[in-house]
């Protein structure tokens, strides 16, 4: 994650994590489940976090997008 630290100026707030949890619950409900699975979080993560991550000027100069940063984070985090 050290590589990403140089690309991210600011990340999601506590409100982002609350909305991520609520969105995952809603997604699970739409899929007719009474519980959330990691794939539910992955399915909505881009929509919730896309506008909450601020990239550095270096990231913009390297044409790095928030989508790429989110994908990297999701790939690095182990699913319990």
PDB file of N, CA and C in Angstrom:
ATOM      1  N   UNK A   1       0.813  -1.196   0.000  1.00  0.00           N
ATOM      2  CA  UNK A   1       0.000   0.000   0.000  1.00  0.00           C
ATOM      3  C   UNK A   1       0.857   1.261   0.000  1.00  0.00           C
ATOM      4  N   UNK A   2       2.141   1.099   0.169  1.00  0.00           N
ATOM      5  CA  UNK A   2       3.038   2.258   0.169  1.00  0.00           C
ATOM      6  C   UNK A   2       2.963   2.998  -1.168  1.00  0.00           C
ATOM      7  N   UNK A   3       2.828   2.248  -2.262  1.00  0.00           N
ATOM      8  CA  UNK A   3       2.738   2.861  -3.586  1.00  0.00           C
ATOM      9  C   UNK A   3       1.497   3.752  -3.682  1.00  0.00           C
ATOM     10  N   UNK A   4       0.404   3.304  -3.080  1.00  0.00           N
ATOM     11  CA  UNK A   4      -0.838   4.076  -3.147  1.00  0.00           C
ATOM     12  C   UNK A   4      -0.799   5.319  -2.281  1.00  0.00           C
ATOM     13  N   UNK A   5      -0.011   5.303  -1.231  1.00  0.00           N
ATOM     14  CA  UNK A   5       0.080   6.461  -0.336  1.00  0.00           C
ATOM     15  C   UNK A   5       0.580   7.693  -1.080  1.00  0.00           C
ATOM     16  N   UNK A   6       1.380   7.501  -2.079  1.00  0.00           N
ATOM     17  CA  UNK A   6       1.907   8.626  -2.854  1.00  0.00           C
ATOM     18  C   UNK A   6       0.900   9.144  -3.871  1.00  0.00           C
ATOM     19  N   UNK A   7      -0.145   8.374  -4.125  1.00  0.00           N
ATOM     20  CA  UNK A   7      -1.132   8.752  -5.126  1.00  0.00           C
ATOM     21  C   UNK A   7      -2.393   9.366  -4.532  1.00  0.00           C
ATOM     22  N   UNK A   8      -2.628   9.120  -3.242  1.00  0.00           N
ATOM     23  CA  UNK A   8      -3.875   9.562  -2.608  1.00  0.00           C
ATOM     24  C   UNK A   8      -3.614  10.787  -1.743  1.00  0.00           C
ATOM     25  N   UNK A   9      -4.336  11.859  -2.020  1.00  0.00           N
ATOM     26  CA  UNK A   9      -4.237  13.076  -1.231  1.00  0.00           C
ATOM     27  C   UNK A   9      -5.143  12.985  -0.003  1.00  0.00           C
ATOM     28  N   UNK A  10      -6.361  12.507  -0.192  1.00  0.00           N
ATOM     29  CA  UNK A  10      -7.280  12.260   0.921  1.00  0.00           C
ATOM     30  C   UNK A  10      -8.203  11.115   0.529  1.00  0.00           C
ATOM     31  N   UNK A  11      -8.696  10.419   1.535  1.00  0.00           N
ATOM     32  CA  UNK A  11      -9.548   9.254   1.306  1.00  0.00           C
ATOM     33  C   UNK A  11     -10.941   9.463   1.845  1.00  0.00           C
ATOM     34  N   UNK A  12     -11.662   8.379   1.923  1.00  0.00           N
ATOM     35  CA  UNK A  12     -13.039   8.429   2.406  1.00  0.00           C
ATOM     36  C   UNK A  12     -13.116   8.759   3.884  1.00  0.00           C
ATOM     37  N   UNK A  13     -14.148   9.443   4.253  1.00  0.00           N
ATOM     38  CA  UNK A  13     -14.375   9.823   5.644  1.00  0.00           C
ATOM     39  C   UNK A  13     -15.131   8.706   6.363  1.00  0.00           C
ATOM     40  N   UNK A  14     -15.351   8.850   7.666  1.00  0.00           N
ATOM     41  CA  UNK A  14     -16.190   7.865   8.369  1.00  0.00           C
ATOM     42  C   UNK A  14     -17.583   7.752   7.754  1.00  0.00           C
ATOM     43  N   UNK A  15     -18.069   8.843   7.214  1.00  0.00           N
ATOM     44  CA  UNK A  15     -19.374   8.812   6.550  1.00  0.00           C
ATOM     45  C   UNK A  15     -19.351   7.896   5.325  1.00  0.00           C
ATOM     46  N   UNK A  16     -18.190   7.806   4.666  1.00  0.00           N
ATOM     47  CA  UNK A  16     -18.061   6.913   3.518  1.00  0.00           C
ATOM     48  C   UNK A  16     -18.209   5.461   3.944  1.00  0.00           C
ATOM     49  N   UNK A  17     -17.612   5.110   5.076  1.00  0.00           N
ATOM     50  CA  UNK A  17     -17.726   3.724   5.532  1.00  0.00           C
ATOM     51  C   UNK A  17     -19.158   3.398   5.959  1.00  0.00           C
ATOM     52  N   UNK A  18     -19.843   4.363   6.521  1.00  0.00           N
ATOM     53  CA  UNK A  18     -21.253   4.161   6.889  1.00  0.00           C
ATOM     54  C   UNK A  18     -22.083   3.924   5.635  1.00  0.00           C
ATOM     55  N   UNK A  19     -21.859   4.744   4.614  1.00  0.00           N
ATOM     56  CA  UNK A  19     -22.614   4.588   3.368  1.00  0.00           C
ATOM     57  C   UNK A  19     -22.220   3.319   2.628  1.00  0.00           C
ATOM     58  N   UNK A  20     -20.984   2.888   2.763  1.00  0.00           N
ATOM     59  CA  UNK A  20     -20.564   1.626   2.165  1.00  0.00           C
ATOM     60  C   UNK A  20     -21.317   0.463   2.801  1.00  0.00           C
ATOM     61  N   UNK A  21     -21.460   0.490   4.107  1.00  0.00           N
ATOM     62  CA  UNK A  21     -22.201  -0.557   4.811  1.00  0.00           C
ATOM     63  C   UNK A  21     -23.683  -0.527   4.439  1.00  0.00           C
ATOM     64  N   UNK A  22     -24.270   0.649   4.406  1.00  0.00           N
ATOM     65  CA  UNK A  22     -25.688   0.761   4.043  1.00  0.00           C
ATOM     66  C   UNK A  22     -25.930   0.311   2.605  1.00  0.00           C
ATOM     67  N   UNK A  23     -25.030   0.706   1.717  1.00  0.00           N
ATOM     68  CA  UNK A  23     -25.159   0.310   0.318  1.00  0.00           C
ATOM     69  C   UNK A  23     -25.023  -1.192   0.136  1.00  0.00           C
ATOM     70  N   UNK A  24     -24.106  -1.803   0.875  1.00  0.00           N
ATOM     71  CA  UNK A  24     -23.931  -3.255   0.785  1.00  0.00           C
ATOM     72  C   UNK A  24     -25.176  -3.976   1.303  1.00  0.00           C
ATOM     73  N   UNK A  25     -25.783  -3.459   2.361  1.00  0.00           N
ATOM     74  CA  UNK A  25     -27.027  -4.055   2.873  1.00  0.00           C
ATOM     75  C   UNK A  25     -28.150  -3.944   1.841  1.00  0.00           C
ATOM     76  N   UNK A  26     -28.240  -2.785   1.198  1.00  0.00           N
ATOM     77  CA  UNK A  26     -29.271  -2.590   0.186  1.00  0.00           C
ATOM     78  C   UNK A  26     -29.038  -3.504  -1.016  1.00  0.00           C
ATOM     79  N   UNK A  27     -27.786  -3.655  -1.415  1.00  0.00           N
ATOM     80  CA  UNK A  27     -27.456  -4.530  -2.540  1.00  0.00           C
ATOM     81  C   UNK A  27     -27.806  -5.981  -2.213  1.00  0.00           C
ATOM     82  N   UNK A  28     -27.494  -6.410  -0.995  1.00  0.00           N
ATOM     83  CA  UNK A  28     -27.835  -7.769  -0.569  1.00  0.00           C
ATOM     84  C   UNK A  28     -29.355  -7.954  -0.568  1.00  0.00           C
ATOM     85  N   UNK A  29     -30.083  -6.944  -0.118  1.00  0.00           N
ATOM     86  CA  UNK A  29     -31.545  -7.017  -0.106  1.00  0.00           C
ATOM     87  C   UNK A  29     -32.093  -7.165  -1.527  1.00  0.00           C
ATOM     88  N   UNK A  30     -31.523  -6.415  -2.463  1.00  0.00           N
ATOM     89  CA  UNK A  30     -31.962  -6.506  -3.859  1.00  0.00           C
ATOM     90  C   UNK A  30     -31.697  -7.901  -4.416  1.00  0.00           C
ATOM     91  N   UNK A  31     -30.624  -8.517  -3.960  1.00  0.00           N
ATOM     92  CA  UNK A  31     -30.284  -9.875  -4.392  1.00  0.00           C
ATOM     93  C   UNK A  31     -31.021 -10.939  -3.582  1.00  0.00           C
ATOM     94  N   UNK A  32     -32.005 -10.511  -2.774  1.00  0.00           N
ATOM     95  CA  UNK A  32     -32.872 -11.388  -1.974  1.00  0.00           C
ATOM     96  C   UNK A  32     -32.110 -12.173  -0.912  1.00  0.00           C
ATOM     97  N   UNK A  33     -31.174 -11.483  -0.256  1.00  0.00           N
ATOM     98  CA  UNK A  33     -30.448 -12.090   0.853  1.00  0.00           C
ATOM     99  C   UNK A  33     -30.625 -11.225   2.081  1.00  0.00           C
ATOM    100  N   UNK A  34     -30.653 -11.848   3.233  1.00  0.00           N
ATOM    101  CA  UNK A  34     -30.774 -11.128   4.490  1.00  0.00           C
ATOM    102  C   UNK A  34     -29.430 -10.867   5.144  1.00  0.00           C
ATOM    103  N   UNK A  35     -28.369 -11.084   4.415  1.00  0.00           N
ATOM    104  CA  UNK A  35     -27.012 -10.896   4.944  1.00  0.00           C
ATOM    105  C   UNK A  35     -26.113 -10.367   3.829  1.00  0.00           C
ATOM    106  N   UNK A  36     -25.036  -9.739   4.225  1.00  0.00           N
ATOM    107  CA  UNK A  36     -24.082  -9.145   3.290  1.00  0.00           C
ATOM    108  C   UNK A  36     -22.888 -10.074   3.134  1.00  0.00           C
ATOM    109  N   UNK A  37     -22.427 -10.219   1.903  1.00  0.00           N
ATOM    110  CA  UNK A  37     -21.222 -10.986   1.622  1.00  0.00           C
ATOM    111  C   UNK A  37     -20.185 -10.039   1.013  1.00  0.00           C
ATOM    112  N   UNK A  38     -18.921 -10.403   1.020  1.00  0.00           N
ATOM    113  CA  UNK A  38     -17.880  -9.510   0.490  1.00  0.00           C
ATOM    114  C   UNK A  38     -18.132  -9.052  -0.956  1.00  0.00           C
ATOM    115  N   UNK A  39     -18.756  -9.880  -1.752  1.00  0.00           N
ATOM    116  CA  UNK A  39     -19.034  -9.486  -3.133  1.00  0.00           C
ATOM    117  C   UNK A  39     -20.020  -8.320  -3.201  1.00  0.00           C
ATOM    118  N   UNK A  40     -20.889  -8.195  -2.204  1.00  0.00           N
ATOM    119  CA  UNK A  40     -21.806  -7.056  -2.158  1.00  0.00           C
ATOM    120  C   UNK A  40     -21.036  -5.757  -1.966  1.00  0.00           C
ATOM    121  N   UNK A  41     -20.054  -5.792  -1.093  1.00  0.00           N
ATOM    122  CA  UNK A  41     -19.234  -4.602  -0.848  1.00  0.00           C
ATOM    123  C   UNK A  41     -18.448  -4.259  -2.107  1.00  0.00           C
ATOM    124  N   UNK A  42     -17.860  -5.249  -2.739  1.00  0.00           N
ATOM    125  CA  UNK A  42     -17.105  -5.015  -3.971  1.00  0.00           C
ATOM    126  C   UNK A  42     -17.993  -4.448  -5.075  1.00  0.00           C
ATOM    127  N   UNK A  43     -19.240  -4.890  -5.128  1.00  0.00           N
ATOM    128  CA  UNK A  43     -20.149  -4.457  -6.184  1.00  0.00           C
ATOM    129  C   UNK A  43     -20.479  -2.968  -6.093  1.00  0.00           C
ATOM    130  N   UNK A  44     -20.546  -2.435  -4.888  1.00  0.00           N
ATOM    131  CA  UNK A  44     -20.942  -1.030  -4.745  1.00  0.00           C
ATOM    132  C   UNK A  44     -19.790  -0.107  -4.371  1.00  0.00           C
ATOM    133  N   UNK A  45     -18.650  -0.673  -4.085  1.00  0.00           N
ATOM    134  CA  UNK A  45     -17.525   0.115  -3.582  1.00  0.00           C
ATOM    135  C   UNK A  45     -17.133   1.250  -4.532  1.00  0.00           C
ATOM    136  N   UNK A  46     -17.084   0.979  -5.815  1.00  0.00           N
ATOM    137  CA  UNK A  46     -16.702   2.013  -6.767  1.00  0.00           C
ATOM    138  C   UNK A  46     -17.688   3.179  -6.749  1.00  0.00           C
ATOM    139  N   UNK A  47     -18.968   2.859  -6.687  1.00  0.00           N
ATOM    140  CA  UNK A  47     -19.982   3.920  -6.690  1.00  0.00           C
ATOM    141  C   UNK A  47     -19.915   4.784  -5.434  1.00  0.00           C
ATOM    142  N   UNK A  48     -19.626   4.172  -4.310  1.00  0.00           N
ATOM    143  CA  UNK A  48     -19.583   4.914  -3.049  1.00  0.00           C
ATOM    144  C   UNK A  48     -18.284   5.708  -2.922  1.00  0.00           C
ATOM    145  N   UNK A  49     -17.176   5.118  -3.294  1.00  0.00           N
ATOM    146  CA  UNK A  49     -15.860   5.722  -3.021  1.00  0.00           C
ATOM    147  C   UNK A  49     -15.308   6.596  -4.144  1.00  0.00           C
ATOM    148  N   UNK A  50     -15.839   6.477  -5.337  1.00  0.00           N
ATOM    149  CA  UNK A  50     -15.267   7.158  -6.507  1.00  0.00           C
ATOM    150  C   UNK A  50     -15.069   8.659  -6.273  1.00  0.00           C
ATOM    151  N   UNK A  51     -16.039   9.318  -5.744  1.00  0.00           N
ATOM    152  CA  UNK A  51     -15.944  10.768  -5.569  1.00  0.00           C
ATOM    153  C   UNK A  51     -15.392  11.164  -4.195  1.00  0.00           C
ATOM    154  N   UNK A  52     -15.048  10.206  -3.362  1.00  0.00           N
ATOM    155  CA  UNK A  52     -14.560  10.503  -2.016  1.00  0.00           C
ATOM    156  C   UNK A  52     -13.049  10.397  -1.899  1.00  0.00           C
ATOM    157  N   UNK A  53     -12.386   9.957  -2.955  1.00  0.00           N
ATOM    158  CA  UNK A  53     -10.931   9.826  -2.942  1.00  0.00           C
ATOM    159  C   UNK A  53     -10.336  10.952  -3.776  1.00  0.00           C
ATOM    160  N   UNK A  54      -9.449  11.706  -3.156  1.00  0.00           N
ATOM    161  CA  UNK A  54      -8.756  12.781  -3.862  1.00  0.00           C
ATOM    162  C   UNK A  54      -7.353  12.346  -4.225  1.00  0.00           C
ATOM    163  N   UNK A  55      -7.026  12.479  -5.483  1.00  0.00           N
ATOM    164  CA  UNK A  55      -5.708  12.062  -5.948  1.00  0.00           C
ATOM    165  C   UNK A  55      -4.717  13.219  -5.889  1.00  0.00           C
ATOM    166  N   UNK A  56      -3.459  12.884  -5.767  1.00  0.00           N
ATOM    167  CA  UNK A  56      -2.396  13.889  -5.749  1.00  0.00           C
ATOM    168  C   UNK A  56      -2.117  14.366  -7.176  1.00  0.00           C
ATOM    169  N   UNK A  57      -1.346  15.428  -7.283  1.00  0.00           N
ATOM    170  CA  UNK A  57      -0.961  15.923  -8.597  1.00  0.00           C
ATOM    171  C   UNK A  57      -0.091  14.913  -9.327  1.00  0.00           C
ATOM    172  N   UNK A  58       0.700  14.157  -8.578  1.00  0.00           N
ATOM    173  CA  UNK A  58       1.535  13.124  -9.185  1.00  0.00           C
ATOM    174  C   UNK A  58       0.676  12.042  -9.835  1.00  0.00           C
ATOM    175  N   UNK A  59      -0.403  11.667  -9.162  1.00  0.00           N
ATOM    176  CA  UNK A  59      -1.311  10.660  -9.719  1.00  0.00           C
ATOM    177  C   UNK A  59      -1.970  11.173 -10.989  1.00  0.00           C
ATOM    178  N   UNK A  60      -2.375  12.427 -10.971  1.00  0.00           N
ATOM    179  CA  UNK A  60      -2.994  13.002 -12.157  1.00  0.00           C
ATOM    180  C   UNK A  60      -2.001  13.105 -13.305  1.00  0.00           C
ATOM    181  N   UNK A  61      -0.745  13.408 -12.987  1.00  0.00           N
ATOM    182  CA  UNK A  61       0.294  13.495 -14.017  1.00  0.00           C
ATOM    183  C   UNK A  61       0.564  12.120 -14.633  1.00  0.00           C
ATOM    184  N   UNK A  62       0.395  11.065 -13.848  1.00  0.00           N
ATOM    185  CA  UNK A  62       0.613   9.702 -14.332  1.00  0.00           C
ATOM    186  C   UNK A  62      -0.661   9.087 -14.903  1.00  0.00           C
ATOM    187  N   UNK A  63      -1.719   9.885 -15.019  1.00  0.00           N
ATOM    188  CA  UNK A  63      -3.020   9.440 -15.538  1.00  0.00           C
ATOM    189  C   UNK A  63      -3.612   8.284 -14.742  1.00  0.00           C
ATOM    190  N   UNK A  64      -3.432   8.319 -13.441  1.00  0.00           N
ATOM    191  CA  UNK A  64      -4.034   7.334 -12.546  1.00  0.00           C
ATOM    192  C   UNK A  64      -5.435   7.816 -12.201  1.00  0.00           C
ATOM    193  N   UNK A  65      -6.392   6.915 -12.260  1.00  0.00           N
ATOM    194  CA  UNK A  65      -7.772   7.276 -11.943  1.00  0.00           C
ATOM    195  C   UNK A  65      -8.153   6.725 -10.573  1.00  0.00           C
ATOM    196  N   UNK A  66      -9.227   7.266 -10.028  1.00  0.00           N
ATOM    197  CA  UNK A  66      -9.705   6.753  -8.746  1.00  0.00           C
ATOM    198  C   UNK A  66     -10.179   5.309  -8.888  1.00  0.00           C
ATOM    199  N   UNK A  67     -10.674   4.954 -10.066  1.00  0.00           N
ATOM    200  CA  UNK A  67     -11.087   3.570 -10.315  1.00  0.00           C
ATOM    201  C   UNK A  67      -9.908   2.623 -10.130  1.00  0.00           C
ATOM    202  N   UNK A  68      -8.761   2.995 -10.646  1.00  0.00           N
ATOM    203  CA  UNK A  68      -7.570   2.156 -10.521  1.00  0.00           C
ATOM    204  C   UNK A  68      -7.129   2.042  -9.067  1.00  0.00           C
ATOM    205  N   UNK A  69      -7.212   3.143  -8.338  1.00  0.00           N
ATOM    206  CA  UNK A  69      -6.825   3.134  -6.925  1.00  0.00           C
ATOM    207  C   UNK A  69      -7.763   2.226  -6.131  1.00  0.00           C
ATOM    208  N   UNK A  70      -9.058   2.338  -6.379  1.00  0.00           N
ATOM    209  CA  UNK A  70     -10.032   1.500  -5.679  1.00  0.00           C
ATOM    210  C   UNK A  70      -9.791   0.027  -6.005  1.00  0.00           C
ATOM    211  N   UNK A  71      -9.534  -0.276  -7.275  1.00  0.00           N
ATOM    212  CA  UNK A  71      -9.240  -1.661  -7.658  1.00  0.00           C
ATOM    213  C   UNK A  71      -8.018  -2.192  -6.935  1.00  0.00           C
ATOM    214  N   UNK A  72      -6.974  -1.376  -6.820  1.00  0.00           N
ATOM    215  CA  UNK A  72      -5.760  -1.803  -6.114  1.00  0.00           C
ATOM    216  C   UNK A  72      -6.063  -2.107  -4.647  1.00  0.00           C
ATOM    217  N   UNK A  73      -6.820  -1.234  -4.014  1.00  0.00           N
ATOM    218  CA  UNK A  73      -7.158  -1.440  -2.600  1.00  0.00           C
ATOM    219  C   UNK A  73      -7.984  -2.711  -2.434  1.00  0.00           C
ATOM    220  N   UNK A  74      -8.982  -2.896  -3.292  1.00  0.00           N
ATOM    221  CA  UNK A  74      -9.817  -4.091  -3.193  1.00  0.00           C
ATOM    222  C   UNK A  74      -9.005  -5.363  -3.425  1.00  0.00           C
ATOM    223  N   UNK A  75      -8.024  -5.304  -4.303  1.00  0.00           N
ATOM    224  CA  UNK A  75      -7.179  -6.479  -4.556  1.00  0.00           C
ATOM    225  C   UNK A  75      -6.215  -6.768  -3.424  1.00  0.00           C
ATOM    226  N   UNK A  76      -5.827  -5.740  -2.676  1.00  0.00           N
ATOM    227  CA  UNK A  76      -4.869  -5.919  -1.589  1.00  0.00           C
ATOM    228  C   UNK A  76      -5.518  -6.426  -0.298  1.00  0.00           C
ATOM    229  N   UNK A  77      -6.766  -6.077  -0.085  1.00  0.00           N
ATOM    230  CA  UNK A  77      -7.454  -6.431   1.161  1.00  0.00           C
ATOM    231  C   UNK A  77      -7.880  -7.895   1.110  1.00  0.00           C
ATOM    232  N   UNK A  78      -7.511  -8.639   2.133  1.00  0.00           N
ATOM    233  CA  UNK A  78      -7.903 -10.043   2.208  1.00  0.00           C
ATOM    234  C   UNK A  78      -9.362 -10.154   2.639  1.00  0.00           C
ATOM    235  N   UNK A  79     -10.077 -11.043   1.996  1.00  0.00           N
ATOM    236  CA  UNK A  79     -11.475 -11.288   2.334  1.00  0.00           C
ATOM    237  C   UNK A  79     -11.513 -12.275   3.488  1.00  0.00           C
ATOM    238  N   UNK A  80     -12.228 -11.935   4.563  1.00  0.00           N
ATOM    239  CA  UNK A  80     -12.279 -12.851   5.712  1.00  0.00           C
ATOM    240  C   UNK A  80     -13.042 -14.121   5.410  1.00  0.00           C
TER     241      UNK A  80
END
